[in-house]
Amino acid sequence: VEGRIIDQPSDFSQEEVETLARPCLDMLNRLTYEVTEIALDLPGINLEF
């Protein structure tokens, strides 16, 4: 994505969207697992993306 001007979401390919979103989704999955593990005192819940 470096060196490109993005005017609208359709300027991204599906692969680029997945690559850009993956770190955020990984963090969300990890936080969800840890919070549910603490709150429920059971193994945490894994999100399926």
Protein backbone atom coordinates (compact mmCIF):
# COMPACT_ATOMS: atom_id res chain seq x y z
CA VAL A 1 0.00 0.00 0.00
CA GLU A 2 3.03 2.24 0.35
CA GLY A 3 3.34 4.91 -2.30
CA ARG A 4 -0.34 4.76 -3.26
CA ILE A 5 -3.11 7.25 -2.70
CA ILE A 6 -6.28 5.51 -1.57
CA ASP A 7 -9.45 7.44 -2.37
CA GLN A 8 -12.03 4.80 -1.55
CA PRO A 9 -12.23 1.32 -0.02
CA SER A 10 -12.64 -0.30 -3.44
CA ASP A 11 -9.04 0.74 -4.23
CA PHE A 12 -7.89 -2.20 -2.06
CA SER A 13 -7.77 -5.77 -3.29
CA GLN A 14 -9.30 -8.46 -1.05
CA GLU A 15 -5.80 -9.70 -0.20
CA GLU A 16 -4.72 -6.19 0.89
CA VAL A 17 -7.81 -5.82 3.07
CA GLU A 18 -7.10 -9.14 4.78
CA THR A 19 -3.42 -8.26 5.27
CA LEU A 20 -4.26 -4.87 6.77
CA ALA A 21 -7.05 -6.19 9.01
CA ARG A 22 -5.25 -9.30 10.31
CA PRO A 23 -3.24 -7.64 13.17
CA CYS A 24 -6.38 -5.93 14.51
CA LEU A 25 -8.44 -9.12 14.31
CA ASP A 26 -5.67 -11.12 16.01
CA MET A 27 -5.61 -8.62 18.88
CA LEU A 28 -9.41 -8.65 19.17
CA ASN A 29 -9.40 -12.45 19.28
CA ARG A 30 -6.68 -12.49 21.98
CA LEU A 31 -8.42 -9.87 24.13
CA THR A 32 -11.78 -11.66 23.80
CA TYR A 33 -10.18 -14.93 24.85
CA GLU A 34 -8.45 -13.39 27.89
CA VAL A 35 -11.46 -11.37 29.06
CA THR A 36 -13.87 -14.30 28.77
CA GLU A 37 -11.38 -16.59 30.50
CA ILE A 38 -11.14 -14.21 33.47
CA ALA A 39 -14.84 -13.29 33.57
CA LEU A 40 -16.16 -16.85 33.30
CA ASP A 41 -13.31 -18.62 35.13
CA LEU A 42 -13.33 -21.12 32.26
CA PRO A 43 -11.26 -21.55 29.11
CA GLY A 44 -11.71 -18.45 26.96
CA ILE A 45 -13.82 -18.07 23.85
CA ASN A 46 -12.07 -18.06 20.47
CA LEU A 47 -13.57 -15.94 17.71
CA GLU A 48 -13.71 -17.43 14.22
CA PHE A 49 -12.76 -14.97 11.47
